[in-house]
Amino acid sequence: MLKTHKFAALAILTALAINPAFAEDKSAAVVNGVAIPQARVETSVKAAEAQGRADSPELRQAIRDDLINREVIVQAAVKEGLDKTPDVIDQINMAKQSVLVNAFVQDSIKKTPITDAQLQQEYDNLKAKLGDKEYSVSHILVKTEAEAKKIIAELGKKVKFEKLAKESIDTGSAEHGGSLGWTVPKNLVEPFANALLNLKKGEYTKEPVKTQFGWHVIKLDDIRALKVPAFNDLKPQLQQRLQQQAIQKTVADLRSAAKID
């Protein structure tokens, strides 16, 4: 019995000497002989910290308990053969696919980082598109040209725009007297934007304006100088936009090179 223990101890020491990583391969727990890697706990801790939770012994214990519960359930599910059912296999494949897609996206971002020069160019382009003015706009949206002309006639009789706006099928703006708030022409559909730019402060369109949404009566409430946020304030959003564009191009290139039946 004693000799057996000595041989076991010698085997462990030999393994440590040959492979130092063996000593560092720690498990958070072992469930029915299946090890839960400590690295899995660390990954979960980082995810919790990203959501604003502080690293603490209590958090780590809760994560460990959750991982143990998951492993117990997984083992029970496998024992019942649930991992062999078509629906589960399909879900596992989809989950694997999602992980690989995310890994590919993150790898692509690392390989082709967005430069400050690109961000500055995007900022300059944005400023050029937005222009130097913004407009406070109201409108009344109806389904037919006849309804719009009737509203314009009522406005000619000095009926308040805010009162007539209650007839608008755009319920969101109707609740605020037809107001769409402050905006720039770039954010509006072309027929609407063109009509707006032909108005002076306080004027409304004398002819109905047709868009894909219906027929509009548009009123320009006010104009002011547009204050675009500073470059550094918009930098995170600009970076995200350029990264998304880069990924979209990569996907388009992959699709064009793929054989799709």
C-alpha atoms as a PDB file:
ATOM      1  CA  MET A   1       0.000   0.000   0.000  1.00  0.00           C
ATOM      2  CA  LEU A   2       2.793   2.409   0.957  1.00  0.00           C
ATOM      3  CA  LYS A   3       4.752   1.543  -2.182  1.00  0.00           C
ATOM      4  CA  THR A   4       1.688   2.329  -4.314  1.00  0.00           C
ATOM      5  CA  HIS A   5       1.433   5.802  -2.798  1.00  0.00           C
ATOM      6  CA  LYS A   6       5.138   6.370  -3.400  1.00  0.00           C
ATOM      7  CA  PHE A   7       4.823   5.362  -7.035  1.00  0.00           C
ATOM      8  CA  ALA A   8       1.778   7.662  -7.486  1.00  0.00           C
ATOM      9  CA  ALA A   9       3.635  10.595  -5.948  1.00  0.00           C
ATOM     10  CA  LEU A  10       6.645   9.905  -8.153  1.00  0.00           C
ATOM     11  CA  ALA A  11       4.402   9.819 -11.242  1.00  0.00           C
ATOM     12  CA  ILE A  12       2.927  13.214 -10.392  1.00  0.00           C
ATOM     13  CA  LEU A  13       6.333  14.772  -9.738  1.00  0.00           C
ATOM     14  CA  THR A  14       7.619  13.332 -13.017  1.00  0.00           C
ATOM     15  CA  ALA A  15       4.649  14.779 -14.914  1.00  0.00           C
ATOM     16  CA  LEU A  16       5.267  18.207 -13.382  1.00  0.00           C
ATOM     17  CA  ALA A  17       8.937  18.071 -14.269  1.00  0.00           C
ATOM     18  CA  ILE A  18       8.276  17.047 -17.874  1.00  0.00           C
ATOM     19  CA  ASN A  19       5.353  19.448 -18.444  1.00  0.00           C
ATOM     20  CA  PRO A  20       5.258  22.539 -16.177  1.00  0.00           C
ATOM     21  CA  ALA A  21       1.923  23.529 -17.757  1.00  0.00           C
ATOM     22  CA  PHE A  22       0.437  20.456 -16.066  1.00  0.00           C
ATOM     23  CA  ALA A  23       0.783  22.236 -12.717  1.00  0.00           C
ATOM     24  CA  GLU A  24      -0.926  25.351 -14.051  1.00  0.00           C
ATOM     25  CA  ASP A  25      -3.863  23.504 -15.612  1.00  0.00           C
ATOM     26  CA  LYS A  26      -6.290  24.349 -12.835  1.00  0.00           C
ATOM     27  CA  SER A  27      -9.963  23.486 -12.801  1.00  0.00           C
ATOM     28  CA  ALA A  28     -12.680  25.511 -11.153  1.00  0.00           C
ATOM     29  CA  ALA A  29     -14.466  22.256 -10.354  1.00  0.00           C
ATOM     30  CA  VAL A  30     -14.704  18.630 -11.470  1.00  0.00           C
ATOM     31  CA  VAL A  31     -18.213  17.271 -12.012  1.00  0.00           C
ATOM     32  CA  ASN A  32     -18.467  13.486 -12.362  1.00  0.00           C
ATOM     33  CA  GLY A  33     -14.923  13.427 -13.691  1.00  0.00           C
ATOM     34  CA  VAL A  34     -15.466  16.324 -16.133  1.00  0.00           C
ATOM     35  CA  ALA A  35     -13.276  19.364 -15.403  1.00  0.00           C
ATOM     36  CA  ILE A  36     -14.627  22.913 -15.630  1.00  0.00           C
ATOM     37  CA  PRO A  37     -11.629  25.060 -16.656  1.00  0.00           C
ATOM     38  CA  GLN A  38     -10.761  28.025 -14.473  1.00  0.00           C
ATOM     39  CA  ALA A  39     -10.428  29.989 -17.716  1.00  0.00           C
ATOM     40  CA  ARG A  40     -14.180  29.659 -18.156  1.00  0.00           C
ATOM     41  CA  VAL A  41     -14.708  31.376 -14.817  1.00  0.00           C
ATOM     42  CA  GLU A  42     -12.341  34.173 -15.813  1.00  0.00           C
ATOM     43  CA  THR A  43     -14.215  34.694 -19.087  1.00  0.00           C
ATOM     44  CA  SER A  44     -17.494  34.960 -17.209  1.00  0.00           C
ATOM     45  CA  VAL A  45     -15.964  37.405 -14.711  1.00  0.00           C
ATOM     46  CA  LYS A  46     -14.804  39.645 -17.574  1.00  0.00           C
ATOM     47  CA  ALA A  47     -18.274  39.543 -19.103  1.00  0.00           C
ATOM     48  CA  ALA A  48     -19.802  40.530 -15.751  1.00  0.00           C
ATOM     49  CA  GLU A  49     -17.305  43.384 -15.356  1.00  0.00           C
ATOM     50  CA  ALA A  50     -18.214  44.640 -18.833  1.00  0.00           C
ATOM     51  CA  GLN A  51     -21.780  44.951 -17.545  1.00  0.00           C
ATOM     52  CA  GLY A  52     -20.659  47.031 -14.574  1.00  0.00           C
ATOM     53  CA  ARG A  53     -20.327  44.368 -11.886  1.00  0.00           C
ATOM     54  CA  ALA A  54     -17.262  44.365  -9.637  1.00  0.00           C
ATOM     55  CA  ASP A  55     -14.997  41.345  -9.359  1.00  0.00           C
ATOM     56  CA  SER A  56     -15.472  39.803  -5.914  1.00  0.00           C
ATOM     57  CA  PRO A  57     -15.313  36.426  -4.166  1.00  0.00           C
ATOM     58  CA  GLU A  58     -19.119  36.397  -4.091  1.00  0.00           C
ATOM     59  CA  LEU A  59     -19.335  36.983  -7.850  1.00  0.00           C
ATOM     60  CA  ARG A  60     -16.774  34.265  -8.549  1.00  0.00           C
ATOM     61  CA  GLN A  61     -18.612  31.818  -6.309  1.00  0.00           C
ATOM     62  CA  ALA A  62     -21.911  32.584  -8.039  1.00  0.00           C
ATOM     63  CA  ILE A  63     -20.294  32.045 -11.449  1.00  0.00           C
ATOM     64  CA  ARG A  64     -18.699  28.786 -10.287  1.00  0.00           C
ATOM     65  CA  ASP A  65     -22.039  27.541  -8.973  1.00  0.00           C
ATOM     66  CA  ASP A  66     -23.732  28.466 -12.252  1.00  0.00           C
ATOM     67  CA  LEU A  67     -21.092  26.617 -14.286  1.00  0.00           C
ATOM     68  CA  ILE A  68     -21.471  23.551 -12.078  1.00  0.00           C
ATOM     69  CA  ASN A  69     -25.257  23.685 -12.511  1.00  0.00           C
ATOM     70  CA  ARG A  70     -24.816  23.934 -16.277  1.00  0.00           C
ATOM     71  CA  GLU A  71     -22.432  20.969 -16.354  1.00  0.00           C
ATOM     72  CA  VAL A  72     -24.790  18.838 -14.245  1.00  0.00           C
ATOM     73  CA  ILE A  73     -27.680  19.661 -16.580  1.00  0.00           C
ATOM     74  CA  VAL A  74     -25.599  19.050 -19.725  1.00  0.00           C
ATOM     75  CA  GLN A  75     -24.491  15.660 -18.450  1.00  0.00           C
ATOM     76  CA  ALA A  76     -28.096  14.727 -17.652  1.00  0.00           C
ATOM     77  CA  ALA A  77     -29.248  15.906 -21.106  1.00  0.00           C
ATOM     78  CA  VAL A  78     -26.525  13.856 -22.839  1.00  0.00           C
ATOM     79  CA  LYS A  79     -27.406  10.823 -20.721  1.00  0.00           C
ATOM     80  CA  GLU A  80     -30.992  11.096 -21.972  1.00  0.00           C
ATOM     81  CA  GLY A  81     -29.782  11.399 -25.552  1.00  0.00           C
ATOM     82  CA  LEU A  82     -31.064  14.923 -26.062  1.00  0.00           C
ATOM     83  CA  ASP A  83     -27.828  15.907 -27.819  1.00  0.00           C
ATOM     84  CA  LYS A  84     -28.792  13.483 -30.605  1.00  0.00           C
ATOM     85  CA  THR A  85     -32.200  15.026 -31.402  1.00  0.00           C
ATOM     86  CA  PRO A  86     -32.431  16.973 -34.700  1.00  0.00           C
ATOM     87  CA  ASP A  87     -33.676  20.209 -33.097  1.00  0.00           C
ATOM     88  CA  VAL A  88     -30.871  20.268 -30.528  1.00  0.00           C
ATOM     89  CA  ILE A  89     -28.230  19.434 -33.131  1.00  0.00           C
ATOM     90  CA  ASP A  90     -29.518  22.298 -35.288  1.00  0.00           C
ATOM     91  CA  GLN A  91     -29.414  24.730 -32.340  1.00  0.00           C
ATOM     92  CA  ILE A  92     -25.885  23.625 -31.431  1.00  0.00           C
ATOM     93  CA  ASN A  93     -24.765  24.191 -35.014  1.00  0.00           C
ATOM     94  CA  MET A  94     -26.380  27.642 -35.045  1.00  0.00           C
ATOM     95  CA  ALA A  95     -24.690  28.558 -31.763  1.00  0.00           C
ATOM     96  CA  LYS A  96     -21.341  27.396 -33.161  1.00  0.00           C
ATOM     97  CA  GLN A  97     -21.995  29.433 -36.285  1.00  0.00           C
ATOM     98  CA  SER A  98     -22.705  32.568 -34.228  1.00  0.00           C
ATOM     99  CA  VAL A  99     -19.473  32.139 -32.270  1.00  0.00           C
ATOM    100  CA  LEU A 100     -17.454  31.709 -35.470  1.00  0.00           C
ATOM    101  CA  VAL A 101     -19.119  34.713 -37.121  1.00  0.00           C
ATOM    102  CA  ASN A 102     -18.294  36.893 -34.123  1.00  0.00           C
ATOM    103  CA  ALA A 103     -14.716  35.573 -34.046  1.00  0.00           C
ATOM    104  CA  PHE A 104     -14.315  36.302 -37.770  1.00  0.00           C
ATOM    105  CA  VAL A 105     -15.661  39.849 -37.342  1.00  0.00           C
ATOM    106  CA  GLN A 106     -13.353  40.602 -34.417  1.00  0.00           C
ATOM    107  CA  ASP A 107     -10.378  39.151 -36.286  1.00  0.00           C
ATOM    108  CA  SER A 108     -11.174  41.253 -39.361  1.00  0.00           C
ATOM    109  CA  ILE A 109     -11.362  44.400 -37.224  1.00  0.00           C
ATOM    110  CA  LYS A 110      -7.945  43.633 -35.730  1.00  0.00           C
ATOM    111  CA  LYS A 111      -6.382  42.937 -39.133  1.00  0.00           C
ATOM    112  CA  THR A 112      -7.726  46.122 -40.754  1.00  0.00           C
ATOM    113  CA  PRO A 113      -7.882  48.810 -38.042  1.00  0.00           C
ATOM    114  CA  ILE A 114      -9.543  52.125 -38.876  1.00  0.00           C
ATOM    115  CA  THR A 115      -6.971  54.942 -39.022  1.00  0.00           C
ATOM    116  CA  ASP A 116      -7.388  58.455 -37.647  1.00  0.00           C
ATOM    117  CA  ALA A 117      -7.079  59.758 -41.203  1.00  0.00           C
ATOM    118  CA  GLN A 118     -10.061  57.654 -42.262  1.00  0.00           C
ATOM    119  CA  LEU A 119     -12.064  58.856 -39.268  1.00  0.00           C
ATOM    120  CA  GLN A 120     -11.247  62.495 -40.021  1.00  0.00           C
ATOM    121  CA  GLN A 121     -12.292  62.040 -43.659  1.00  0.00           C
ATOM    122  CA  GLU A 122     -15.576  60.470 -42.584  1.00  0.00           C
ATOM    123  CA  TYR A 123     -16.169  63.369 -40.192  1.00  0.00           C
ATOM    124  CA  ASP A 124     -15.503  65.931 -42.922  1.00  0.00           C
ATOM    125  CA  ASN A 125     -17.857  64.091 -45.299  1.00  0.00           C
ATOM    126  CA  LEU A 126     -20.565  64.027 -42.637  1.00  0.00           C
ATOM    127  CA  LYS A 127     -20.272  67.761 -42.001  1.00  0.00           C
ATOM    128  CA  ALA A 128     -20.496  68.461 -45.735  1.00  0.00           C
ATOM    129  CA  LYS A 129     -23.653  66.361 -46.080  1.00  0.00           C
ATOM    130  CA  LEU A 130     -25.367  67.892 -43.060  1.00  0.00           C
ATOM    131  CA  GLY A 131     -24.825  71.468 -44.207  1.00  0.00           C
ATOM    132  CA  ASP A 132     -24.676  74.459 -41.891  1.00  0.00           C
ATOM    133  CA  LYS A 133     -28.361  74.864 -40.955  1.00  0.00           C
ATOM    134  CA  GLU A 134     -31.045  72.860 -39.233  1.00  0.00           C
ATOM    135  CA  TYR A 135     -34.782  73.299 -39.458  1.00  0.00           C
ATOM    136  CA  SER A 136     -37.684  73.091 -37.054  1.00  0.00           C
ATOM    137  CA  VAL A 137     -40.424  71.440 -39.117  1.00  0.00           C
ATOM    138  CA  SER A 138     -44.083  70.538 -38.734  1.00  0.00           C
ATOM    139  CA  HIS A 139     -46.258  68.588 -41.105  1.00  0.00           C
ATOM    140  CA  ILE A 140     -49.696  67.101 -41.548  1.00  0.00           C
ATOM    141  CA  LEU A 141     -49.789  63.734 -43.292  1.00  0.00           C
ATOM    142  CA  VAL A 142     -52.956  62.436 -44.961  1.00  0.00           C
ATOM    143  CA  LYS A 143     -53.792  59.613 -47.352  1.00  0.00           C
ATOM    144  CA  THR A 144     -55.096  61.580 -50.342  1.00  0.00           C
ATOM    145  CA  GLU A 145     -54.264  64.723 -52.284  1.00  0.00           C
ATOM    146  CA  ALA A 146     -57.826  65.936 -51.821  1.00  0.00           C
ATOM    147  CA  GLU A 147     -57.484  65.774 -48.029  1.00  0.00           C
ATOM    148  CA  ALA A 148     -54.212  67.708 -48.207  1.00  0.00           C
ATOM    149  CA  LYS A 149     -55.760  70.409 -50.403  1.00  0.00           C
ATOM    150  CA  LYS A 150     -58.636  70.739 -47.955  1.00  0.00           C
ATOM    151  CA  ILE A 151     -56.175  71.299 -45.104  1.00  0.00           C
ATOM    152  CA  ILE A 152     -54.298  73.930 -47.136  1.00  0.00           C
ATOM    153  CA  ALA A 153     -57.619  75.691 -47.782  1.00  0.00           C
ATOM    154  CA  GLU A 154     -58.365  75.664 -44.045  1.00  0.00           C
ATOM    155  CA  LEU A 155     -54.956  77.149 -43.316  1.00  0.00           C
ATOM    156  CA  GLY A 156     -55.797  79.909 -45.789  1.00  0.00           C
ATOM    157  CA  LYS A 157     -58.821  80.685 -43.619  1.00  0.00           C
ATOM    158  CA  LYS A 158     -56.476  81.197 -40.626  1.00  0.00           C
ATOM    159  CA  VAL A 159     -57.291  77.894 -38.957  1.00  0.00           C
ATOM    160  CA  LYS A 160     -54.382  76.988 -36.656  1.00  0.00           C
ATOM    161  CA  PHE A 161     -51.905  74.465 -38.047  1.00  0.00           C
ATOM    162  CA  GLU A 162     -51.716  72.740 -34.657  1.00  0.00           C
ATOM    163  CA  LYS A 163     -55.480  72.185 -34.679  1.00  0.00           C
ATOM    164  CA  LEU A 164     -55.525  70.721 -38.189  1.00  0.00           C
ATOM    165  CA  ALA A 165     -52.543  68.502 -37.294  1.00  0.00           C
ATOM    166  CA  LYS A 166     -54.926  66.372 -35.234  1.00  0.00           C
ATOM    167  CA  GLU A 167     -56.150  64.956 -38.565  1.00  0.00           C
ATOM    168  CA  SER A 168     -52.644  63.706 -39.420  1.00  0.00           C
ATOM    169  CA  ILE A 169     -52.137  59.961 -39.797  1.00  0.00           C
ATOM    170  CA  ASP A 170     -48.643  60.493 -38.381  1.00  0.00           C
ATOM    171  CA  THR A 171     -49.849  60.016 -34.823  1.00  0.00           C
ATOM    172  CA  GLY A 172     -46.428  60.675 -33.311  1.00  0.00           C
ATOM    173  CA  SER A 173     -46.207  64.239 -34.620  1.00  0.00           C
ATOM    174  CA  ALA A 174     -49.986  64.822 -34.442  1.00  0.00           C
ATOM    175  CA  GLU A 175     -49.753  64.682 -30.647  1.00  0.00           C
ATOM    176  CA  HIS A 176     -47.328  67.627 -30.802  1.00  0.00           C
ATOM    177  CA  GLY A 177     -49.198  69.871 -33.217  1.00  0.00           C
ATOM    178  CA  GLY A 178     -47.505  68.267 -36.210  1.00  0.00           C
ATOM    179  CA  SER A 179     -43.985  69.067 -34.996  1.00  0.00           C
ATOM    180  CA  LEU A 180     -41.129  66.863 -36.164  1.00  0.00           C
ATOM    181  CA  GLY A 181     -38.620  68.837 -34.098  1.00  0.00           C
ATOM    182  CA  TRP A 182     -35.234  69.985 -35.362  1.00  0.00           C
ATOM    183  CA  THR A 183     -33.743  68.155 -38.315  1.00  0.00           C
ATOM    184  CA  VAL A 184     -31.579  68.550 -41.420  1.00  0.00           C
ATOM    185  CA  PRO A 185     -32.709  67.969 -45.032  1.00  0.00           C
ATOM    186  CA  LYS A 186     -30.381  64.953 -45.319  1.00  0.00           C
ATOM    187  CA  ASN A 187     -32.588  63.093 -42.844  1.00  0.00           C
ATOM    188  CA  LEU A 188     -35.740  63.661 -44.905  1.00  0.00           C
ATOM    189  CA  VAL A 189     -36.996  61.965 -48.056  1.00  0.00           C
ATOM    190  CA  GLU A 190     -36.156  63.985 -51.156  1.00  0.00           C
ATOM    191  CA  PRO A 191     -39.611  65.453 -52.079  1.00  0.00           C
ATOM    192  CA  PHE A 192     -40.122  66.534 -48.457  1.00  0.00           C
ATOM    193  CA  ALA A 193     -36.635  68.063 -48.202  1.00  0.00           C
ATOM    194  CA  ASN A 194     -36.964  69.934 -51.505  1.00  0.00           C
ATOM    195  CA  ALA A 195     -40.301  71.449 -50.491  1.00  0.00           C
ATOM    196  CA  LEU A 196     -38.907  72.442 -47.099  1.00  0.00           C
ATOM    197  CA  LEU A 197     -35.923  74.258 -48.610  1.00  0.00           C
ATOM    198  CA  ASN A 198     -38.270  76.388 -50.730  1.00  0.00           C
ATOM    199  CA  LEU A 199     -40.079  77.700 -47.664  1.00  0.00           C
ATOM    200  CA  LYS A 200     -39.339  80.779 -45.584  1.00  0.00           C
ATOM    201  CA  LYS A 201     -39.690  80.810 -41.813  1.00  0.00           C
ATOM    202  CA  GLY A 202     -43.391  80.627 -40.875  1.00  0.00           C
ATOM    203  CA  GLU A 203     -44.549  79.529 -44.337  1.00  0.00           C
ATOM    204  CA  TYR A 204     -46.356  76.313 -45.268  1.00  0.00           C
ATOM    205  CA  THR A 205     -46.589  74.513 -48.623  1.00  0.00           C
ATOM    206  CA  LYS A 206     -49.402  75.822 -50.829  1.00  0.00           C
ATOM    207  CA  GLU A 207     -49.480  72.563 -52.771  1.00  0.00           C
ATOM    208  CA  PRO A 208     -49.556  69.037 -51.308  1.00  0.00           C
ATOM    209  CA  VAL A 209     -46.230  67.179 -51.265  1.00  0.00           C
ATOM    210  CA  LYS A 210     -46.353  63.500 -52.189  1.00  0.00           C
ATOM    211  CA  THR A 211     -43.936  60.927 -50.740  1.00  0.00           C
ATOM    212  CA  GLN A 212     -44.104  57.176 -50.243  1.00  0.00           C
ATOM    213  CA  PHE A 213     -45.810  57.855 -46.908  1.00  0.00           C
ATOM    214  CA  GLY A 214     -48.747  59.829 -48.307  1.00  0.00           C
ATOM    215  CA  TRP A 215     -49.550  63.506 -48.890  1.00  0.00           C
ATOM    216  CA  HIS A 216     -47.930  66.198 -46.716  1.00  0.00           C
ATOM    217  CA  VAL A 217     -48.638  69.767 -45.808  1.00  0.00           C
ATOM    218  CA  ILE A 218     -45.307  71.092 -44.554  1.00  0.00           C
ATOM    219  CA  LYS A 219     -44.605  74.101 -42.340  1.00  0.00           C
ATOM    220  CA  LEU A 220     -41.208  75.636 -41.608  1.00  0.00           C
ATOM    221  CA  ASP A 221     -41.273  76.817 -37.998  1.00  0.00           C
ATOM    222  CA  ASP A 222     -37.696  78.042 -37.554  1.00  0.00           C
ATOM    223  CA  ILE A 223     -34.108  77.938 -38.830  1.00  0.00           C
ATOM    224  CA  ARG A 224     -30.855  78.042 -36.888  1.00  0.00           C
ATOM    225  CA  ALA A 225     -27.154  77.411 -37.406  1.00  0.00           C
ATOM    226  CA  LEU A 226     -26.239  73.751 -37.163  1.00  0.00           C
ATOM    227  CA  LYS A 227     -23.746  72.864 -34.448  1.00  0.00           C
ATOM    228  CA  VAL A 228     -22.036  69.617 -35.367  1.00  0.00           C
ATOM    229  CA  PRO A 229     -20.442  67.818 -32.396  1.00  0.00           C
ATOM    230  CA  ALA A 230     -16.640  67.942 -32.249  1.00  0.00           C
ATOM    231  CA  PHE A 231     -14.603  65.243 -33.980  1.00  0.00           C
ATOM    232  CA  ASN A 232     -13.511  63.585 -30.722  1.00  0.00           C
ATOM    233  CA  ASP A 233     -17.125  63.398 -29.524  1.00  0.00           C
ATOM    234  CA  LEU A 234     -18.223  61.583 -32.689  1.00  0.00           C
ATOM    235  CA  LYS A 235     -15.097  59.461 -33.056  1.00  0.00           C
ATOM    236  CA  PRO A 236     -16.537  56.276 -31.447  1.00  0.00           C
ATOM    237  CA  GLN A 237     -19.651  56.389 -33.665  1.00  0.00           C
ATOM    238  CA  LEU A 238     -17.580  57.107 -36.764  1.00  0.00           C
ATOM    239  CA  GLN A 239     -15.279  54.198 -35.979  1.00  0.00           C
ATOM    240  CA  GLN A 240     -18.220  51.858 -35.504  1.00  0.00           C
ATOM    241  CA  ARG A 241     -19.755  52.993 -38.803  1.00  0.00           C
ATOM    242  CA  LEU A 242     -16.534  52.447 -40.764  1.00  0.00           C
ATOM    243  CA  GLN A 243     -16.001  49.059 -39.140  1.00  0.00           C
ATOM    244  CA  GLN A 244     -19.516  48.023 -40.122  1.00  0.00           C
ATOM    245  CA  GLN A 245     -18.931  49.207 -43.683  1.00  0.00           C
ATOM    246  CA  ALA A 246     -15.659  47.239 -43.826  1.00  0.00           C
ATOM    247  CA  ILE A 247     -17.375  44.081 -42.578  1.00  0.00           C
ATOM    248  CA  GLN A 248     -20.223  44.527 -45.064  1.00  0.00           C
ATOM    249  CA  LYS A 249     -17.696  44.802 -47.894  1.00  0.00           C
ATOM    250  CA  THR A 250     -15.860  41.703 -46.688  1.00  0.00           C
ATOM    251  CA  VAL A 251     -19.128  39.749 -46.583  1.00  0.00           C
ATOM    252  CA  ALA A 252     -20.052  41.003 -50.062  1.00  0.00           C
ATOM    253  CA  ASP A 253     -16.651  39.873 -51.369  1.00  0.00           C
ATOM    254  CA  LEU A 254     -17.062  36.452 -49.748  1.00  0.00           C
ATOM    255  CA  ARG A 255     -20.530  36.067 -51.273  1.00  0.00           C
ATOM    256  CA  SER A 256     -19.306  37.035 -54.737  1.00  0.00           C
ATOM    257  CA  ALA A 257     -16.527  34.458 -54.505  1.00  0.00           C
ATOM    258  CA  ALA A 258     -18.810  31.725 -53.148  1.00  0.00           C
ATOM    259  CA  LYS A 259     -20.776  29.233 -55.204  1.00  0.00           C
ATOM    260  CA  ILE A 260     -24.389  29.749 -54.134  1.00  0.00           C
ATOM    261  CA  ASP A 261     -27.079  27.547 -55.714  1.00  0.00           C
END
